[in-house]
Amino acid sequence: MEKDVGPVVYWGVADLDRVRERLPAAGCAHHRGPLTAQPGRRMAQLRDPFGTAIGFSAGARRR
């Protein structure tokens, strides 16, 4: 069973795929996603070397 990660802070980024390509070289591991949260908006989570989940979001935001 996967350990619960608790609350996840999301950072807005211009290019989600680039973040997902680059952060594993810094010791991060893919956790969840990417998924389409809304039309034009994608999200993903990675884990840092200490196991903390960090979220990234790219694309349109509607208010």
PDB file of N, CA and C in Angstrom:
ATOM      1  N   MET A   1       0.844  -1.185   0.000  1.00  0.00           N
ATOM      2  CA  MET A   1       0.000   0.000   0.000  1.00  0.00           C
ATOM      3  C   MET A   1       0.885   1.243   0.000  1.00  0.00           C
ATOM      4  N   GLU A   2       0.508   2.230  -0.813  1.00  0.00           N
ATOM      5  CA  GLU A   2       1.269   3.463  -0.925  1.00  0.00           C
ATOM      6  C   GLU A   2       1.031   4.348   0.291  1.00  0.00           C
ATOM      7  N   LYS A   3       2.113   4.933   0.819  1.00  0.00           N
ATOM      8  CA  LYS A   3       2.027   5.838   1.959  1.00  0.00           C
ATOM      9  C   LYS A   3       1.310   7.115   1.562  1.00  0.00           C
ATOM     10  N   ASP A   4       0.398   7.600   2.416  1.00  0.00           N
ATOM     11  CA  ASP A   4      -0.301   8.861   2.171  1.00  0.00           C
ATOM     12  C   ASP A   4       0.710   9.999   2.207  1.00  0.00           C
ATOM     13  N   VAL A   5       0.619  10.920   1.265  1.00  0.00           N
ATOM     14  CA  VAL A   5       1.580  12.017   1.205  1.00  0.00           C
ATOM     15  C   VAL A   5       1.085  13.269   1.908  1.00  0.00           C
ATOM     16  N   GLY A   6      -0.170  13.316   2.318  1.00  0.00           N
ATOM     17  CA  GLY A   6      -0.703  14.501   2.967  1.00  0.00           C
ATOM     18  C   GLY A   6      -0.943  15.622   1.969  1.00  0.00           C
ATOM     19  N   PRO A   7      -1.007  16.875   2.472  1.00  0.00           N
ATOM     20  CA  PRO A   7      -1.241  18.003   1.577  1.00  0.00           C
ATOM     21  C   PRO A   7      -0.096  18.168   0.573  1.00  0.00           C
ATOM     22  N   VAL A   8      -0.433  18.584  -0.635  1.00  0.00           N
ATOM     23  CA  VAL A   8       0.570  18.781  -1.689  1.00  0.00           C
ATOM     24  C   VAL A   8       0.492  20.223  -2.173  1.00  0.00           C
ATOM     25  N   VAL A   9       1.622  20.911  -2.172  1.00  0.00           N
ATOM     26  CA  VAL A   9       1.716  22.264  -2.703  1.00  0.00           C
ATOM     27  C   VAL A   9       1.957  22.161  -4.204  1.00  0.00           C
ATOM     28  N   TYR A  10       1.240  22.961  -4.974  1.00  0.00           N
ATOM     29  CA  TYR A  10       1.397  22.960  -6.439  1.00  0.00           C
ATOM     30  C   TYR A  10       2.083  24.237  -6.908  1.00  0.00           C
ATOM     31  N   TRP A  11       3.016  24.075  -7.811  1.00  0.00           N
ATOM     32  CA  TRP A  11       3.709  25.185  -8.455  1.00  0.00           C
ATOM     33  C   TRP A  11       3.209  25.293  -9.885  1.00  0.00           C
ATOM     34  N   GLY A  12       2.915  26.506 -10.329  1.00  0.00           N
ATOM     35  CA  GLY A  12       2.550  26.738 -11.710  1.00  0.00           C
ATOM     36  C   GLY A  12       3.804  26.783 -12.575  1.00  0.00           C
ATOM     37  N   VAL A  13       3.817  26.037 -13.651  1.00  0.00           N
ATOM     38  CA  VAL A  13       4.966  25.990 -14.558  1.00  0.00           C
ATOM     39  C   VAL A  13       4.482  26.178 -15.991  1.00  0.00           C
ATOM     40  N   ALA A  14       5.378  26.646 -16.837  1.00  0.00           N
ATOM     41  CA  ALA A  14       5.025  26.871 -18.243  1.00  0.00           C
ATOM     42  C   ALA A  14       4.993  25.573 -19.039  1.00  0.00           C
ATOM     43  N   ASP A  15       5.871  24.622 -18.698  1.00  0.00           N
ATOM     44  CA  ASP A  15       6.011  23.390 -19.488  1.00  0.00           C
ATOM     45  C   ASP A  15       6.113  22.183 -18.552  1.00  0.00           C
ATOM     46  N   LEU A  16       4.998  21.532 -18.326  1.00  0.00           N
ATOM     47  CA  LEU A  16       4.951  20.395 -17.407  1.00  0.00           C
ATOM     48  C   LEU A  16       5.842  19.238 -17.863  1.00  0.00           C
ATOM     49  N   ASP A  17       5.859  18.963 -19.154  1.00  0.00           N
ATOM     50  CA  ASP A  17       6.676  17.859 -19.651  1.00  0.00           C
ATOM     51  C   ASP A  17       8.159  18.108 -19.403  1.00  0.00           C
ATOM     52  N   ARG A  18       8.598  19.344 -19.549  1.00  0.00           N
ATOM     53  CA  ARG A  18      10.008  19.671 -19.295  1.00  0.00           C
ATOM     54  C   ARG A  18      10.361  19.477 -17.822  1.00  0.00           C
ATOM     55  N   VAL A  19       9.475  19.883 -16.921  1.00  0.00           N
ATOM     56  CA  VAL A  19       9.697  19.669 -15.483  1.00  0.00           C
ATOM     57  C   VAL A  19       9.816  18.177 -15.195  1.00  0.00           C
ATOM     58  N   ARG A  20       8.925  17.387 -15.786  1.00  0.00           N
ATOM     59  CA  ARG A  20       8.938  15.940 -15.553  1.00  0.00           C
ATOM     60  C   ARG A  20      10.182  15.272 -16.131  1.00  0.00           C
ATOM     61  N   GLU A  21      10.779  15.867 -17.142  1.00  0.00           N
ATOM     62  CA  GLU A  21      12.017  15.331 -17.715  1.00  0.00           C
ATOM     63  C   GLU A  21      13.236  15.712 -16.884  1.00  0.00           C
ATOM     64  N   ARG A  22      13.255  16.929 -16.351  1.00  0.00           N
ATOM     65  CA  ARG A  22      14.453  17.454 -15.694  1.00  0.00           C
ATOM     66  C   ARG A  22      14.591  17.086 -14.221  1.00  0.00           C
ATOM     67  N   LEU A  23      13.505  17.049 -13.460  1.00  0.00           N
ATOM     68  CA  LEU A  23      13.626  16.842 -12.021  1.00  0.00           C
ATOM     69  C   LEU A  23      14.143  15.460 -11.607  1.00  0.00           C
ATOM     70  N   PRO A  24      13.883  14.393 -12.336  1.00  0.00           N
ATOM     71  CA  PRO A  24      14.487  13.115 -11.933  1.00  0.00           C
ATOM     72  C   PRO A  24      16.024  13.167 -11.879  1.00  0.00           C
ATOM     73  N   ALA A  25      16.645  13.987 -12.702  1.00  0.00           N
ATOM     74  CA  ALA A  25      18.105  14.136 -12.652  1.00  0.00           C
ATOM     75  C   ALA A  25      18.553  14.795 -11.351  1.00  0.00           C
ATOM     76  N   ALA A  26      17.646  15.507 -10.684  1.00  0.00           N
ATOM     77  CA  ALA A  26      17.950  16.155  -9.411  1.00  0.00           C
ATOM     78  C   ALA A  26      17.555  15.280  -8.222  1.00  0.00           C
ATOM     79  N   GLY A  27      17.161  14.036  -8.488  1.00  0.00           N
ATOM     80  CA  GLY A  27      16.830  13.112  -7.406  1.00  0.00           C
ATOM     81  C   GLY A  27      15.357  12.917  -7.142  1.00  0.00           C
ATOM     82  N   CYS A  28      14.501  13.563  -7.926  1.00  0.00           N
ATOM     83  CA  CYS A  28      13.058  13.396  -7.748  1.00  0.00           C
ATOM     84  C   CYS A  28      12.574  12.149  -8.489  1.00  0.00           C
ATOM     85  N   ALA A  29      11.422  11.648  -8.069  1.00  0.00           N
ATOM     86  CA  ALA A  29      10.816  10.483  -8.711  1.00  0.00           C
ATOM     87  C   ALA A  29       9.372  10.810  -9.066  1.00  0.00           C
ATOM     88  N   HIS A  30       8.908  10.288 -10.199  1.00  0.00           N
ATOM     89  CA  HIS A  30       7.509  10.485 -10.591  1.00  0.00           C
ATOM     90  C   HIS A  30       6.606   9.827  -9.561  1.00  0.00           C
ATOM     91  N   HIS A  31       5.512  10.513  -9.222  1.00  0.00           N
ATOM     92  CA  HIS A  31       4.576   9.996  -8.222  1.00  0.00           C
ATOM     93  C   HIS A  31       3.193   9.766  -8.830  1.00  0.00           C
ATOM     94  N   ARG A  32       2.600  10.818  -9.388  1.00  0.00           N
ATOM     95  CA  ARG A  32       1.268  10.699  -9.992  1.00  0.00           C
ATOM     96  C   ARG A  32       1.182  11.584 -11.221  1.00  0.00           C
ATOM     97  N   GLY A  33       0.381  11.141 -12.184  1.00  0.00           N
ATOM     98  CA  GLY A  33       0.116  11.962 -13.356  1.00  0.00           C
ATOM     99  C   GLY A  33       1.137  11.744 -14.455  1.00  0.00           C
ATOM    100  N   PRO A  34       1.073  12.542 -15.465  1.00  0.00           N
ATOM    101  CA  PRO A  34       0.227  13.731 -15.542  1.00  0.00           C
ATOM    102  C   PRO A  34      -1.227  13.373 -15.829  1.00  0.00           C
ATOM    103  N   LEU A  35      -2.099  14.274 -15.431  1.00  0.00           N
ATOM    104  CA  LEU A  35      -3.513  14.109 -15.722  1.00  0.00           C
ATOM    105  C   LEU A  35      -4.081  15.449 -16.146  1.00  0.00           C
ATOM    106  N   THR A  36      -5.187  15.403 -16.859  1.00  0.00           N
ATOM    107  CA  THR A  36      -5.863  16.619 -17.292  1.00  0.00           C
ATOM    108  C   THR A  36      -6.913  16.954 -16.249  1.00  0.00           C
ATOM    109  N   ALA A  37      -6.704  18.076 -15.555  1.00  0.00           N
ATOM    110  CA  ALA A  37      -7.621  18.483 -14.493  1.00  0.00           C
ATOM    111  C   ALA A  37      -8.806  19.270 -15.050  1.00  0.00           C
ATOM    112  N   GLN A  38      -8.548  20.066 -16.071  1.00  0.00           N
ATOM    113  CA  GLN A  38      -9.555  20.844 -16.789  1.00  0.00           C
ATOM    114  C   GLN A  38      -9.093  20.888 -18.235  1.00  0.00           C
ATOM    115  N   PRO A  39      -9.966  21.222 -19.156  1.00  0.00           N
ATOM    116  CA  PRO A  39      -9.490  21.370 -20.534  1.00  0.00           C
ATOM    117  C   PRO A  39      -8.329  22.375 -20.603  1.00  0.00           C
ATOM    118  N   GLY A  40      -7.199  21.932 -21.112  1.00  0.00           N
ATOM    119  CA  GLY A  40      -6.031  22.794 -21.239  1.00  0.00           C
ATOM    120  C   GLY A  40      -5.159  22.893 -20.008  1.00  0.00           C
ATOM    121  N   ARG A  41      -5.517  22.233 -18.925  1.00  0.00           N
ATOM    122  CA  ARG A  41      -4.731  22.289 -17.685  1.00  0.00           C
ATOM    123  C   ARG A  41      -4.297  20.886 -17.275  1.00  0.00           C
ATOM    124  N   ARG A  42      -2.986  20.698 -17.155  1.00  0.00           N
ATOM    125  CA  ARG A  42      -2.426  19.399 -16.771  1.00  0.00           C
ATOM    126  C   ARG A  42      -1.698  19.514 -15.441  1.00  0.00           C
ATOM    127  N   MET A  43      -1.700  18.427 -14.682  1.00  0.00           N
ATOM    128  CA  MET A  43      -1.065  18.395 -13.367  1.00  0.00           C
ATOM    129  C   MET A  43      -0.293  17.095 -13.202  1.00  0.00           C
ATOM    130  N   ALA A  44       0.742  17.152 -12.370  1.00  0.00           N
ATOM    131  CA  ALA A  44       1.520  15.960 -12.038  1.00  0.00           C
ATOM    132  C   ALA A  44       2.156  16.168 -10.671  1.00  0.00           C
ATOM    133  N   GLN A  45       2.532  15.069 -10.030  1.00  0.00           N
ATOM    134  CA  GLN A  45       3.236  15.118  -8.755  1.00  0.00           C
ATOM    135  C   GLN A  45       4.534  14.330  -8.869  1.00  0.00           C
ATOM    136  N   LEU A  46       5.570  14.860  -8.231  1.00  0.00           N
ATOM    137  CA  LEU A  46       6.841  14.164  -8.104  1.00  0.00           C
ATOM    138  C   LEU A  46       7.185  14.114  -6.624  1.00  0.00           C
ATOM    139  N   ARG A  47       8.072  13.210  -6.261  1.00  0.00           N
ATOM    140  CA  ARG A  47       8.564  13.150  -4.882  1.00  0.00           C
ATOM    141  C   ARG A  47      10.012  13.595  -4.872  1.00  0.00           C
ATOM    142  N   ASP A  48      10.347  14.446  -3.893  1.00  0.00           N
ATOM    143  CA  ASP A  48      11.732  14.872  -3.771  1.00  0.00           C
ATOM    144  C   ASP A  48      12.547  13.749  -3.116  1.00  0.00           C
ATOM    145  N   PRO A  49      13.862  13.898  -2.992  1.00  0.00           N
ATOM    146  CA  PRO A  49      14.676  12.815  -2.422  1.00  0.00           C
ATOM    147  C   PRO A  49      14.299  12.424  -0.992  1.00  0.00           C
ATOM    148  N   PHE A  50      13.551  13.283  -0.278  1.00  0.00           N
ATOM    149  CA  PHE A  50      13.139  12.994   1.089  1.00  0.00           C
ATOM    150  C   PHE A  50      11.745  12.378   1.165  1.00  0.00           C
ATOM    151  N   GLY A  51      11.107  12.199   0.000  1.00  0.00           N
ATOM    152  CA  GLY A  51       9.783  11.581  -0.049  1.00  0.00           C
ATOM    153  C   GLY A  51       8.619  12.550  -0.049  1.00  0.00           C
ATOM    154  N   THR A  52       8.891  13.841  -0.010  1.00  0.00           N
ATOM    155  CA  THR A  52       7.834  14.847  -0.010  1.00  0.00           C
ATOM    156  C   THR A  52       7.252  14.996  -1.410  1.00  0.00           C
ATOM    157  N   ALA A  53       5.940  14.950  -1.514  1.00  0.00           N
ATOM    158  CA  ALA A  53       5.282  15.131  -2.812  1.00  0.00           C
ATOM    159  C   ALA A  53       5.199  16.609  -3.152  1.00  0.00           C
ATOM    160  N   ILE A  54       5.536  16.944  -4.395  1.00  0.00           N
ATOM    161  CA  ILE A  54       5.472  18.308  -4.909  1.00  0.00           C
ATOM    162  C   ILE A  54       4.631  18.263  -6.181  1.00  0.00           C
ATOM    163  N   GLY A  55       3.649  19.159  -6.262  1.00  0.00           N
ATOM    164  CA  GLY A  55       2.777  19.194  -7.427  1.00  0.00           C
ATOM    165  C   GLY A  55       3.175  20.278  -8.405  1.00  0.00           C
ATOM    166  N   PHE A  56       2.914  20.009  -9.677  1.00  0.00           N
ATOM    167  CA  PHE A  56       3.162  20.982 -10.734  1.00  0.00           C
ATOM    168  C   PHE A  56       1.924  21.054 -11.617  1.00  0.00           C
ATOM    169  N   SER A  57       1.589  22.270 -12.028  1.00  0.00           N
ATOM    170  CA  SER A  57       0.412  22.498 -12.839  1.00  0.00           C
ATOM    171  C   SER A  57       0.773  23.416 -14.007  1.00  0.00           C
ATOM    172  N   ALA A  58       0.279  23.103 -15.190  1.00  0.00           N
ATOM    173  CA  ALA A  58       0.544  23.930 -16.366  1.00  0.00           C
ATOM    174  C   ALA A  58      -0.734  24.068 -17.174  1.00  0.00           C
ATOM    175  N   GLY A  59      -0.899  25.234 -17.776  1.00  0.00           N
ATOM    176  CA  GLY A  59      -2.027  25.433 -18.662  1.00  0.00           C
ATOM    177  C   GLY A  59      -3.025  26.420 -18.121  1.00  0.00           C
ATOM    178  N   ALA A  60      -4.173  26.443 -18.767  1.00  0.00           N
ATOM    179  CA  ALA A  60      -5.204  27.433 -18.502  1.00  0.00           C
ATOM    180  C   ALA A  60      -5.778  27.304 -17.107  1.00  0.00           C
ATOM    181  N   ARG A  61      -6.013  28.454 -16.506  1.00  0.00           N
ATOM    182  CA  ARG A  61      -6.746  28.519 -15.242  1.00  0.00           C
ATOM    183  C   ARG A  61      -8.001  29.342 -15.468  1.00  0.00           C
ATOM    184  N   ARG A  62      -9.090  28.842 -15.008  1.00  0.00           N
ATOM    185  CA  ARG A  62     -10.351  29.582 -15.138  1.00  0.00           C
ATOM    186  C   ARG A  62     -10.751  30.079 -13.763  1.00  0.00           C
ATOM    187  N   ARG A  63     -11.216  31.303 -13.736  1.00  0.00           N
ATOM    188  CA  ARG A  63     -11.663  31.880 -12.447  1.00  0.00           C
ATOM    189  C   ARG A  63     -13.103  32.250 -12.522  1.00  0.00           C
TER     190      ARG A  63
END
